[in-house]
Amino acid sequence: MFLSGHSVVVNISQPIVAIVGEDTILPCHLDPAVDPASTTLEWSRPDQGHRFVHVRHEGEDALTDQNPSYKGRTSVSNNTLKQGDVSLKLSRVELSDNGTYRRYIPKLNKESFISLAVGDMPPPAHKIVLVVAIPIMILSLIVVCLTCDKRAGDAEGSGSRRCRECCSDCPECCLKTCNYCCEICMELPSIIT
């Protein structure tokens, strides 16, 4: 049963908070409910001129004068209209959606306002970890590589000395025991044999 002329728009005093990219609901409830087939509901932004965010007229969406930035992103649920729920669903919220919204029912000459506060979503923790961890891992890898190169250079130097010392006494012994193949060790056995 619908009562006409006695409906009250139930207000919410606190702003609705939404994150960019998510869907949100701008609530509006009429108590008692009105017949959606004989009612016009206008959602607008007072700061954006005459274009509407969403209009519902006699049970149908009337979006010919809809603000282009809301095209394809607004809806009023058909299932809940008969219970007085004329809330606006705003899909894929954008930063530009931030502001005050006016809900107006011409037949009842009732209006109310609701604020939408839109914020950027902080980056997920795993992205922060990657941004910090990857450069640290790269720097660590560079340090390890430089340290290994330095140690290998030190080992080559001492190996070459050992090999040279060894090769001067016994080239065959040097080839068996020296893991580093220096030019001297490679040449001496072929010269000797």
N, C-alpha and C. Protein backbone atom coordinates (compact mmCIF):
# COMPACT_ATOMS: atom_id res chain seq x y z
N MET A 1 0.84 -1.18 0.00
CA MET A 1 0.00 0.00 0.00
C MET A 1 0.89 1.25 0.00
N PHE A 2 0.58 2.22 -0.83
CA PHE A 2 1.36 3.44 -0.93
C PHE A 2 0.53 4.61 -0.42
N LEU A 3 1.19 5.46 0.32
CA LEU A 3 0.52 6.67 0.82
C LEU A 3 1.09 7.85 0.06
N SER A 4 0.26 8.74 -0.39
CA SER A 4 0.78 9.90 -1.10
C SER A 4 0.66 11.14 -0.22
N GLY A 5 1.62 12.04 -0.38
CA GLY A 5 1.59 13.28 0.36
C GLY A 5 2.11 13.21 1.77
N HIS A 6 2.32 12.04 2.31
CA HIS A 6 2.76 11.90 3.68
C HIS A 6 4.19 11.36 3.80
N SER A 7 4.81 11.04 2.70
CA SER A 7 6.14 10.45 2.74
C SER A 7 7.18 11.45 3.20
N VAL A 8 8.13 10.94 3.92
CA VAL A 8 9.24 11.74 4.41
C VAL A 8 10.53 11.13 3.87
N VAL A 9 11.44 11.97 3.40
CA VAL A 9 12.74 11.49 2.95
C VAL A 9 13.60 11.32 4.19
N VAL A 10 14.05 10.10 4.44
CA VAL A 10 14.88 9.82 5.61
C VAL A 10 16.31 10.21 5.26
N ASN A 11 16.86 11.13 6.04
CA ASN A 11 18.20 11.66 5.77
C ASN A 11 19.28 10.92 6.54
N ILE A 12 20.47 10.93 5.95
CA ILE A 12 21.68 10.45 6.62
C ILE A 12 22.59 11.65 6.73
N SER A 13 22.99 11.98 7.94
CA SER A 13 23.75 13.22 8.14
C SER A 13 25.24 13.08 7.83
N GLN A 14 25.79 11.89 7.95
CA GLN A 14 27.22 11.71 7.71
C GLN A 14 27.49 11.47 6.23
N PRO A 15 28.64 11.94 5.75
CA PRO A 15 28.96 11.70 4.33
C PRO A 15 29.21 10.21 4.06
N ILE A 16 28.93 9.82 2.85
CA ILE A 16 29.24 8.48 2.38
C ILE A 16 30.70 8.51 1.91
N VAL A 17 31.48 7.53 2.32
CA VAL A 17 32.89 7.47 1.95
C VAL A 17 33.06 6.37 0.91
N ALA A 18 33.73 6.70 -0.19
CA ALA A 18 33.95 5.74 -1.27
C ALA A 18 35.40 5.79 -1.74
N ILE A 19 35.84 4.70 -2.31
CA ILE A 19 37.20 4.57 -2.85
C ILE A 19 37.11 4.56 -4.38
N VAL A 20 38.04 5.24 -5.02
CA VAL A 20 38.08 5.29 -6.48
C VAL A 20 38.05 3.87 -7.05
N GLY A 21 37.19 3.68 -8.05
CA GLY A 21 37.10 2.40 -8.73
C GLY A 21 36.08 1.44 -8.15
N GLU A 22 35.63 1.69 -6.93
CA GLU A 22 34.64 0.81 -6.31
C GLU A 22 33.23 1.34 -6.57
N ASP A 23 32.24 0.52 -6.27
CA ASP A 23 30.84 0.94 -6.35
C ASP A 23 30.39 1.43 -4.98
N THR A 24 29.45 2.36 -4.97
CA THR A 24 28.92 2.85 -3.69
C THR A 24 27.42 3.10 -3.83
N ILE A 25 26.76 3.19 -2.71
CA ILE A 25 25.33 3.46 -2.66
C ILE A 25 25.12 4.80 -1.96
N LEU A 26 24.38 5.69 -2.61
CA LEU A 26 23.94 6.93 -1.98
C LEU A 26 22.52 6.67 -1.50
N PRO A 27 22.36 6.47 -0.19
CA PRO A 27 21.07 6.02 0.32
C PRO A 27 19.99 7.10 0.29
N CYS A 28 18.79 6.64 0.03
CA CYS A 28 17.61 7.49 0.11
C CYS A 28 16.42 6.58 0.37
N HIS A 29 15.68 6.89 1.42
CA HIS A 29 14.55 6.04 1.79
C HIS A 29 13.33 6.93 2.04
N LEU A 30 12.23 6.55 1.44
CA LEU A 30 10.96 7.27 1.64
C LEU A 30 10.12 6.48 2.63
N ASP A 31 9.63 7.17 3.64
CA ASP A 31 8.83 6.48 4.64
C ASP A 31 7.54 7.26 4.88
N PRO A 32 6.40 6.72 4.56
CA PRO A 32 6.18 5.43 3.91
C PRO A 32 6.52 5.50 2.42
N ALA A 33 6.58 4.34 1.80
CA ALA A 33 6.93 4.23 0.39
C ALA A 33 5.87 4.89 -0.49
N VAL A 34 6.30 5.35 -1.66
CA VAL A 34 5.37 5.90 -2.65
C VAL A 34 5.36 4.97 -3.85
N ASP A 35 4.34 5.07 -4.65
CA ASP A 35 4.22 4.23 -5.84
C ASP A 35 5.28 4.66 -6.85
N PRO A 36 6.25 3.79 -7.15
CA PRO A 36 7.32 4.17 -8.07
C PRO A 36 6.81 4.44 -9.49
N ALA A 37 5.67 3.85 -9.85
CA ALA A 37 5.13 4.04 -11.20
C ALA A 37 4.52 5.43 -11.39
N SER A 38 4.27 6.14 -10.31
CA SER A 38 3.67 7.47 -10.44
C SER A 38 4.54 8.56 -9.82
N THR A 39 5.81 8.24 -9.63
CA THR A 39 6.70 9.18 -8.95
C THR A 39 7.92 9.49 -9.81
N THR A 40 8.40 10.71 -9.70
CA THR A 40 9.66 11.10 -10.33
C THR A 40 10.68 11.32 -9.22
N LEU A 41 11.86 10.79 -9.42
CA LEU A 41 12.97 10.95 -8.47
C LEU A 41 14.14 11.52 -9.25
N GLU A 42 14.68 12.62 -8.76
CA GLU A 42 15.81 13.27 -9.43
C GLU A 42 17.03 13.27 -8.52
N TRP A 43 18.12 12.75 -9.03
CA TRP A 43 19.41 12.85 -8.35
C TRP A 43 20.24 13.84 -9.15
N SER A 44 20.80 14.84 -8.47
CA SER A 44 21.60 15.85 -9.18
C SER A 44 22.76 16.31 -8.31
N ARG A 45 23.66 17.07 -8.94
CA ARG A 45 24.77 17.70 -8.23
C ARG A 45 24.57 19.21 -8.36
N PRO A 46 24.24 19.90 -7.27
CA PRO A 46 24.01 21.35 -7.34
C PRO A 46 25.19 22.12 -7.93
N ASP A 47 26.39 21.61 -7.76
CA ASP A 47 27.58 22.31 -8.25
C ASP A 47 27.87 22.04 -9.73
N GLN A 48 27.05 21.22 -10.39
CA GLN A 48 27.34 20.87 -11.78
C GLN A 48 26.24 21.31 -12.75
N GLY A 49 25.54 22.36 -12.43
CA GLY A 49 24.56 22.91 -13.37
C GLY A 49 23.28 22.10 -13.46
N HIS A 50 22.63 22.20 -14.61
CA HIS A 50 21.29 21.64 -14.77
C HIS A 50 21.27 20.15 -15.12
N ARG A 51 22.36 19.58 -15.51
CA ARG A 51 22.38 18.16 -15.89
C ARG A 51 22.17 17.28 -14.67
N PHE A 52 21.43 16.20 -14.86
CA PHE A 52 21.13 15.27 -13.77
C PHE A 52 22.16 14.16 -13.66
N VAL A 53 22.29 13.62 -12.45
CA VAL A 53 23.09 12.43 -12.23
C VAL A 53 22.25 11.22 -12.64
N HIS A 54 20.97 11.21 -12.20
CA HIS A 54 20.05 10.12 -12.55
C HIS A 54 18.62 10.60 -12.33
N VAL A 55 17.73 10.23 -13.24
CA VAL A 55 16.31 10.55 -13.09
C VAL A 55 15.51 9.26 -13.28
N ARG A 56 14.58 9.07 -12.37
CA ARG A 56 13.65 7.93 -12.45
C ARG A 56 12.26 8.55 -12.57
N HIS A 57 11.56 8.29 -13.68
CA HIS A 57 10.25 8.90 -13.93
C HIS A 57 9.23 7.81 -14.23
N GLU A 58 8.21 7.75 -13.38
CA GLU A 58 7.11 6.79 -13.52
C GLU A 58 7.62 5.35 -13.74
N GLY A 59 8.56 4.96 -12.89
CA GLY A 59 9.05 3.58 -12.91
C GLY A 59 10.12 3.28 -13.94
N GLU A 60 10.54 4.26 -14.71
CA GLU A 60 11.55 4.06 -15.76
C GLU A 60 12.70 5.06 -15.59
N ASP A 61 13.89 4.64 -16.00
CA ASP A 61 15.02 5.57 -16.03
C ASP A 61 14.78 6.57 -17.15
N ALA A 62 15.01 7.85 -16.87
CA ALA A 62 14.88 8.92 -17.87
C ALA A 62 16.21 9.64 -17.90
N LEU A 63 17.11 9.16 -18.73
CA LEU A 63 18.50 9.61 -18.68
C LEU A 63 18.90 10.50 -19.87
N THR A 64 17.93 11.10 -20.54
CA THR A 64 18.25 11.93 -21.71
C THR A 64 19.03 13.19 -21.33
N ASP A 65 18.81 13.70 -20.13
CA ASP A 65 19.52 14.90 -19.68
C ASP A 65 20.55 14.56 -18.60
N GLN A 66 21.12 13.36 -18.71
CA GLN A 66 22.09 12.92 -17.71
C GLN A 66 23.46 13.54 -17.98
N ASN A 67 24.12 13.93 -16.92
CA ASN A 67 25.49 14.43 -17.01
C ASN A 67 26.34 13.32 -17.65
N PRO A 68 27.09 13.63 -18.71
CA PRO A 68 27.87 12.60 -19.43
C PRO A 68 28.88 11.85 -18.55
N SER A 69 29.38 12.49 -17.51
CA SER A 69 30.37 11.81 -16.66
C SER A 69 29.76 10.67 -15.84
N TYR A 70 28.42 10.62 -15.78
CA TYR A 70 27.75 9.55 -15.03
C TYR A 70 27.15 8.48 -15.95
N LYS A 71 27.26 8.68 -17.24
CA LYS A 71 26.64 7.77 -18.21
C LYS A 71 27.12 6.33 -17.98
N GLY A 72 26.15 5.43 -17.82
CA GLY A 72 26.46 4.01 -17.64
C GLY A 72 26.95 3.64 -16.26
N ARG A 73 26.93 4.60 -15.32
CA ARG A 73 27.46 4.32 -13.98
C ARG A 73 26.43 4.48 -12.87
N THR A 74 25.18 4.80 -13.20
CA THR A 74 24.16 5.01 -12.16
C THR A 74 22.98 4.07 -12.35
N SER A 75 22.36 3.72 -11.22
CA SER A 75 21.14 2.90 -11.28
C SER A 75 20.38 3.02 -9.97
N VAL A 76 19.08 2.82 -10.07
CA VAL A 76 18.19 2.74 -8.91
C VAL A 76 17.55 1.36 -8.99
N SER A 77 17.62 0.61 -7.92
CA SER A 77 17.14 -0.77 -7.92
C SER A 77 15.62 -0.85 -8.06
N ASN A 78 15.16 -1.60 -9.06
CA ASN A 78 13.72 -1.82 -9.24
C ASN A 78 13.14 -2.66 -8.11
N ASN A 79 13.95 -3.56 -7.57
CA ASN A 79 13.47 -4.51 -6.55
C ASN A 79 13.11 -3.84 -5.22
N THR A 80 13.73 -2.72 -4.92
CA THR A 80 13.54 -2.11 -3.60
C THR A 80 12.68 -0.84 -3.63
N LEU A 81 12.29 -0.40 -4.82
CA LEU A 81 11.49 0.83 -4.93
C LEU A 81 10.18 0.75 -4.15
N LYS A 82 9.53 -0.39 -4.21
CA LYS A 82 8.22 -0.53 -3.55
C LYS A 82 8.33 -0.49 -2.03
N GLN A 83 9.54 -0.72 -1.50
CA GLN A 83 9.74 -0.62 -0.05
C GLN A 83 10.19 0.79 0.34
N GLY A 84 10.24 1.70 -0.62
CA GLY A 84 10.63 3.07 -0.33
C GLY A 84 12.12 3.34 -0.49
N ASP A 85 12.87 2.34 -0.94
CA ASP A 85 14.31 2.51 -1.12
C ASP A 85 14.57 3.07 -2.52
N VAL A 86 14.93 4.34 -2.58
CA VAL A 86 15.23 4.99 -3.85
C VAL A 86 16.71 5.39 -3.90
N SER A 87 17.53 4.56 -3.27
CA SER A 87 18.97 4.80 -3.22
C SER A 87 19.58 4.73 -4.61
N LEU A 88 20.62 5.52 -4.81
CA LEU A 88 21.33 5.55 -6.09
C LEU A 88 22.60 4.72 -5.97
N LYS A 89 22.78 3.79 -6.89
CA LYS A 89 24.04 3.05 -6.96
C LYS A 89 24.93 3.76 -7.96
N LEU A 90 26.13 4.09 -7.52
CA LEU A 90 27.11 4.74 -8.37
C LEU A 90 28.26 3.76 -8.57
N SER A 91 28.45 3.33 -9.80
CA SER A 91 29.47 2.33 -10.12
C SER A 91 30.78 2.99 -10.53
N ARG A 92 31.87 2.27 -10.29
CA ARG A 92 33.23 2.71 -10.69
C ARG A 92 33.46 4.18 -10.29
N VAL A 93 33.39 4.44 -9.00
CA VAL A 93 33.51 5.80 -8.47
C VAL A 93 34.80 6.45 -8.96
N GLU A 94 34.68 7.73 -9.30
CA GLU A 94 35.81 8.54 -9.75
C GLU A 94 36.05 9.67 -8.76
N LEU A 95 37.25 10.22 -8.75
CA LEU A 95 37.55 11.35 -7.86
C LEU A 95 36.59 12.51 -8.12
N SER A 96 36.21 12.71 -9.37
CA SER A 96 35.30 13.82 -9.72
C SER A 96 33.89 13.62 -9.17
N ASP A 97 33.56 12.42 -8.67
CA ASP A 97 32.24 12.17 -8.07
C ASP A 97 32.13 12.77 -6.67
N ASN A 98 33.24 13.19 -6.11
CA ASN A 98 33.27 13.79 -4.78
C ASN A 98 32.38 15.03 -4.75
N GLY A 99 31.50 15.14 -3.76
CA GLY A 99 30.67 16.34 -3.64
C GLY A 99 29.32 16.06 -3.02
N THR A 100 28.44 17.05 -3.15
CA THR A 100 27.10 16.98 -2.57
C THR A 100 26.08 16.59 -3.64
N TYR A 101 25.21 15.68 -3.28
CA TYR A 101 24.16 15.19 -4.18
C TYR A 101 22.80 15.61 -3.63
N ARG A 102 21.93 16.03 -4.54
CA ARG A 102 20.57 16.44 -4.18
C ARG A 102 19.59 15.35 -4.62
N ARG A 103 18.74 14.95 -3.69
CA ARG A 103 17.67 14.00 -3.99
C ARG A 103 16.37 14.79 -3.95
N TYR A 104 15.63 14.76 -5.04
CA TYR A 104 14.41 15.58 -5.11
C TYR A 104 13.26 14.76 -5.68
N ILE A 105 12.10 14.86 -5.02
CA ILE A 105 10.88 14.19 -5.47
C ILE A 105 9.85 15.29 -5.72
N PRO A 106 9.67 15.68 -7.01
CA PRO A 106 8.79 16.81 -7.34
C PRO A 106 7.36 16.64 -6.84
N LYS A 107 6.81 15.46 -6.94
CA LYS A 107 5.42 15.21 -6.55
C LYS A 107 5.19 15.55 -5.07
N LEU A 108 6.19 15.28 -4.25
CA LEU A 108 6.09 15.54 -2.82
C LEU A 108 6.72 16.88 -2.43
N ASN A 109 7.39 17.50 -3.40
CA ASN A 109 8.17 18.71 -3.15
C ASN A 109 9.13 18.49 -1.98
N LYS A 110 9.80 17.35 -2.00
CA LYS A 110 10.75 16.99 -0.94
C LYS A 110 12.15 16.90 -1.54
N GLU A 111 13.09 17.46 -0.83
CA GLU A 111 14.49 17.33 -1.25
C GLU A 111 15.35 17.06 -0.03
N SER A 112 16.47 16.44 -0.29
CA SER A 112 17.46 16.23 0.76
C SER A 112 18.83 16.17 0.09
N PHE A 113 19.84 16.30 0.89
CA PHE A 113 21.20 16.33 0.37
C PHE A 113 22.05 15.29 1.08
N ILE A 114 23.01 14.76 0.35
CA ILE A 114 23.95 13.80 0.92
C ILE A 114 25.32 14.08 0.31
N SER A 115 26.35 13.94 1.13
CA SER A 115 27.71 14.18 0.65
C SER A 115 28.41 12.86 0.37
N LEU A 116 29.20 12.88 -0.69
CA LEU A 116 30.03 11.73 -1.05
C LEU A 116 31.49 12.17 -0.97
N ALA A 117 32.26 11.50 -0.14
CA ALA A 117 33.69 11.78 -0.01
C ALA A 117 34.44 10.65 -0.70
N VAL A 118 35.18 11.00 -1.75
CA VAL A 118 35.90 10.00 -2.55
C VAL A 118 37.39 10.13 -2.29
N GLY A 119 38.02 9.01 -2.07
CA GLY A 119 39.47 9.00 -1.84
C GLY A 119 40.16 7.96 -2.69
N ASP A 120 41.44 8.20 -2.92
CA ASP A 120 42.28 7.21 -3.61
C ASP A 120 42.53 6.06 -2.68
N MET A 121 42.59 4.88 -3.22
CA MET A 121 42.90 3.71 -2.40
C MET A 121 44.41 3.65 -2.21
N PRO A 122 44.85 3.46 -0.96
CA PRO A 122 46.29 3.31 -0.75
C PRO A 122 46.76 2.06 -1.47
N PRO A 123 48.00 2.08 -1.95
CA PRO A 123 48.48 0.90 -2.66
C PRO A 123 48.48 -0.31 -1.74
N PRO A 124 48.16 -1.48 -2.28
CA PRO A 124 48.17 -2.68 -1.46
C PRO A 124 49.56 -2.93 -0.87
N ALA A 125 49.59 -3.56 0.28
CA ALA A 125 50.85 -3.79 0.99
C ALA A 125 51.85 -4.54 0.14
N HIS A 126 51.40 -5.51 -0.66
CA HIS A 126 52.36 -6.27 -1.46
C HIS A 126 53.04 -5.40 -2.50
N LYS A 127 52.37 -4.36 -2.99
CA LYS A 127 53.01 -3.46 -3.95
C LYS A 127 54.08 -2.63 -3.26
N ILE A 128 53.80 -2.19 -2.03
CA ILE A 128 54.79 -1.42 -1.28
C ILE A 128 56.01 -2.30 -1.02
N VAL A 129 55.79 -3.53 -0.63
CA VAL A 129 56.89 -4.46 -0.37
C VAL A 129 57.73 -4.63 -1.62
N LEU A 130 57.09 -4.80 -2.77
CA LEU A 130 57.83 -4.98 -4.02
C LEU A 130 58.65 -3.74 -4.36
N VAL A 131 58.06 -2.57 -4.18
CA VAL A 131 58.76 -1.33 -4.51
C VAL A 131 59.99 -1.16 -3.62
N VAL A 132 59.92 -1.60 -2.38
CA VAL A 132 61.05 -1.48 -1.47
C VAL A 132 62.00 -2.67 -1.61
N ALA A 133 61.45 -3.87 -1.69
CA ALA A 133 62.28 -5.08 -1.67
C ALA A 133 63.09 -5.28 -2.94
N ILE A 134 62.52 -4.99 -4.09
CA ILE A 134 63.24 -5.24 -5.35
C ILE A 134 64.52 -4.42 -5.44
N PRO A 135 64.50 -3.11 -5.18
CA PRO A 135 65.77 -2.37 -5.23
C PRO A 135 66.79 -2.88 -4.20
N ILE A 136 66.32 -3.27 -3.01
CA ILE A 136 67.25 -3.80 -2.00
C ILE A 136 67.86 -5.11 -2.49
N MET A 137 67.05 -5.96 -3.10
CA MET A 137 67.57 -7.23 -3.62
C MET A 137 68.58 -6.99 -4.74
N ILE A 138 68.30 -6.03 -5.61
CA ILE A 138 69.21 -5.73 -6.71
C ILE A 138 70.53 -5.20 -6.17
N LEU A 139 70.46 -4.28 -5.20
CA LEU A 139 71.69 -3.76 -4.60
C LEU A 139 72.48 -4.87 -3.91
N SER A 140 71.79 -5.75 -3.21
CA SER A 140 72.46 -6.88 -2.54
C SER A 140 73.15 -7.77 -3.56
N LEU A 141 72.49 -8.03 -4.66
CA LEU A 141 73.06 -8.87 -5.71
C LEU A 141 74.31 -8.22 -6.30
N ILE A 142 74.26 -6.92 -6.51
CA ILE A 142 75.42 -6.20 -7.04
C ILE A 142 76.59 -6.31 -6.06
N VAL A 143 76.32 -6.10 -4.77
CA VAL A 143 77.38 -6.20 -3.75
C VAL A 143 77.97 -7.60 -3.73
N VAL A 144 77.12 -8.62 -3.78
CA VAL A 144 77.61 -10.01 -3.78
C VAL A 144 78.47 -10.27 -5.01
N CYS A 145 78.02 -9.82 -6.17
CA CYS A 145 78.79 -10.03 -7.40
C CYS A 145 80.14 -9.32 -7.34
N LEU A 146 80.14 -8.09 -6.87
CA LEU A 146 81.41 -7.36 -6.76
C LEU A 146 82.35 -8.04 -5.78
N THR A 147 81.81 -8.51 -4.67
CA THR A 147 82.62 -9.21 -3.67
C THR A 147 83.19 -10.50 -4.26
N CYS A 148 82.37 -11.25 -4.98
CA CYS A 148 82.84 -12.50 -5.60
C CYS A 148 83.91 -12.21 -6.64
N ASP A 149 83.71 -11.17 -7.45
CA ASP A 149 84.72 -10.81 -8.45
C ASP A 149 86.04 -10.44 -7.79
N LYS A 150 85.96 -9.69 -6.69
CA LYS A 150 87.18 -9.30 -5.98
C LYS A 150 87.88 -10.53 -5.42
N ARG A 151 87.11 -11.43 -4.80
CA ARG A 151 87.71 -12.66 -4.26
C ARG A 151 88.29 -13.52 -5.38
N ALA A 152 87.59 -13.62 -6.49
CA ALA A 152 88.09 -14.40 -7.62
C ALA A 152 89.37 -13.78 -8.15
N GLY A 153 89.40 -12.45 -8.20
CA GLY A 153 90.61 -11.77 -8.64
C GLY A 153 91.77 -12.03 -7.70
N ASP A 154 91.49 -12.00 -6.38
CA ASP A 154 92.53 -12.30 -5.40
C ASP A 154 93.00 -13.74 -5.56
N ALA A 155 92.06 -14.66 -5.75
CA ALA A 155 92.42 -16.07 -5.90
C ALA A 155 93.21 -16.29 -7.18
N GLU A 156 92.84 -15.60 -8.25
CA GLU A 156 93.57 -15.73 -9.50
C GLU A 156 95.00 -15.26 -9.32
N GLY A 157 95.12 -14.14 -8.64
CA GLY A 157 96.46 -13.60 -8.42
C GLY A 157 97.33 -14.57 -7.63
N SER A 158 96.82 -15.11 -6.54
CA SER A 158 97.62 -16.02 -5.73
C SER A 158 97.80 -17.35 -6.46
N GLY A 159 96.77 -17.78 -7.21
CA GLY A 159 96.89 -19.02 -7.97
C GLY A 159 97.95 -18.89 -9.04
N SER A 160 97.99 -17.76 -9.71
CA SER A 160 98.98 -17.53 -10.75
C SER A 160 100.37 -17.56 -10.16
N ARG A 161 100.55 -16.93 -9.01
CA ARG A 161 101.87 -16.94 -8.37
C ARG A 161 102.27 -18.36 -8.01
N ARG A 162 101.29 -19.08 -7.38
CA ARG A 162 101.58 -20.46 -6.99
C ARG A 162 101.92 -21.29 -8.21
N CYS A 163 101.13 -21.09 -9.28
CA CYS A 163 101.33 -21.87 -10.48
C CYS A 163 102.69 -21.55 -11.10
N ARG A 164 103.03 -20.28 -11.12
CA ARG A 164 104.31 -19.89 -11.70
C ARG A 164 105.46 -20.48 -10.88
N GLU A 165 105.30 -20.38 -9.56
CA GLU A 165 106.36 -20.94 -8.70
C GLU A 165 106.46 -22.44 -8.91
N CYS A 166 105.30 -23.10 -8.95
CA CYS A 166 105.24 -24.54 -9.10
C CYS A 166 105.78 -24.95 -10.46
N CYS A 167 105.35 -24.24 -11.51
CA CYS A 167 105.74 -24.60 -12.87
C CYS A 167 107.24 -24.47 -13.09
N SER A 168 107.86 -23.55 -12.39
CA SER A 168 109.30 -23.41 -12.59
C SER A 168 110.04 -24.63 -12.06
N ASP A 169 109.46 -25.31 -11.06
CA ASP A 169 110.10 -26.51 -10.53
C ASP A 169 109.65 -27.76 -11.27
N CYS A 170 108.32 -27.94 -11.41
CA CYS A 170 107.81 -29.18 -11.99
C CYS A 170 106.49 -28.89 -12.70
N PRO A 171 106.51 -28.69 -14.00
CA PRO A 171 105.30 -28.35 -14.73
C PRO A 171 104.21 -29.41 -14.63
N GLU A 172 104.58 -30.68 -14.62
CA GLU A 172 103.57 -31.73 -14.54
C GLU A 172 102.83 -31.69 -13.21
N CYS A 173 103.52 -31.48 -12.13
CA CYS A 173 102.94 -31.38 -10.80
C CYS A 173 102.00 -30.19 -10.74
N CYS A 174 102.41 -29.12 -11.35
CA CYS A 174 101.60 -27.90 -11.34
C CYS A 174 100.28 -28.14 -12.03
N LEU A 175 100.28 -28.81 -13.16
CA LEU A 175 99.04 -29.06 -13.89
C LEU A 175 98.09 -29.94 -13.10
N LYS A 176 98.62 -30.87 -12.32
CA LYS A 176 97.78 -31.77 -11.53
C LYS A 176 97.19 -31.07 -10.32
N THR A 177 97.93 -30.19 -9.69
CA THR A 177 97.48 -29.60 -8.44
C THR A 177 96.88 -28.21 -8.58
N CYS A 178 97.20 -27.52 -9.63
CA CYS A 178 96.72 -26.14 -9.80
C CYS A 178 95.40 -26.13 -10.56
N ASN A 179 94.35 -25.59 -9.94
CA ASN A 179 93.04 -25.52 -10.59
C ASN A 179 92.97 -24.37 -11.58
N TYR A 180 93.86 -23.45 -11.45
CA TYR A 180 93.87 -22.30 -12.33
C TYR A 180 94.81 -22.59 -13.49
N CYS A 181 94.32 -22.52 -14.72
CA CYS A 181 95.15 -22.83 -15.89
C CYS A 181 95.71 -21.53 -16.45
N CYS A 182 96.86 -21.19 -16.00
CA CYS A 182 97.48 -19.98 -16.51
C CYS A 182 98.22 -20.31 -17.81
N GLU A 183 98.59 -19.29 -18.53
CA GLU A 183 99.28 -19.50 -19.80
C GLU A 183 100.59 -20.24 -19.61
N ILE A 184 101.26 -19.96 -18.54
CA ILE A 184 102.55 -20.61 -18.30
C ILE A 184 102.35 -22.12 -18.14
N CYS A 185 101.36 -22.52 -17.34
CA CYS A 185 101.11 -23.95 -17.11
C CYS A 185 100.66 -24.63 -18.38
N MET A 186 99.91 -23.94 -19.22
CA MET A 186 99.42 -24.55 -20.45
C MET A 186 100.54 -24.71 -21.46
N GLU A 187 101.49 -23.78 -21.45
CA GLU A 187 102.57 -23.82 -22.44
C GLU A 187 103.70 -24.74 -22.02
N LEU A 188 104.03 -24.76 -20.75
CA LEU A 188 105.20 -25.52 -20.31
C LEU A 188 105.12 -27.01 -20.62
N PRO A 189 104.01 -27.68 -20.35
CA PRO A 189 104.00 -29.11 -20.64
C PRO A 189 104.23 -29.40 -22.13
N SER A 190 103.68 -28.59 -23.00
CA SER A 190 103.89 -28.86 -24.42
C SER A 190 105.32 -28.57 -24.83
N ILE A 191 105.97 -27.65 -24.17
CA ILE A 191 107.37 -27.35 -24.47
C ILE A 191 108.25 -28.48 -23.97
N ILE A 192 107.95 -28.98 -22.79
CA ILE A 192 108.78 -30.02 -22.18
C ILE A 192 108.66 -31.33 -22.94
N THR A 193 107.48 -31.71 -23.33
CA THR A 193 107.32 -33.01 -23.99
C THR A 193 107.66 -33.01 -25.43
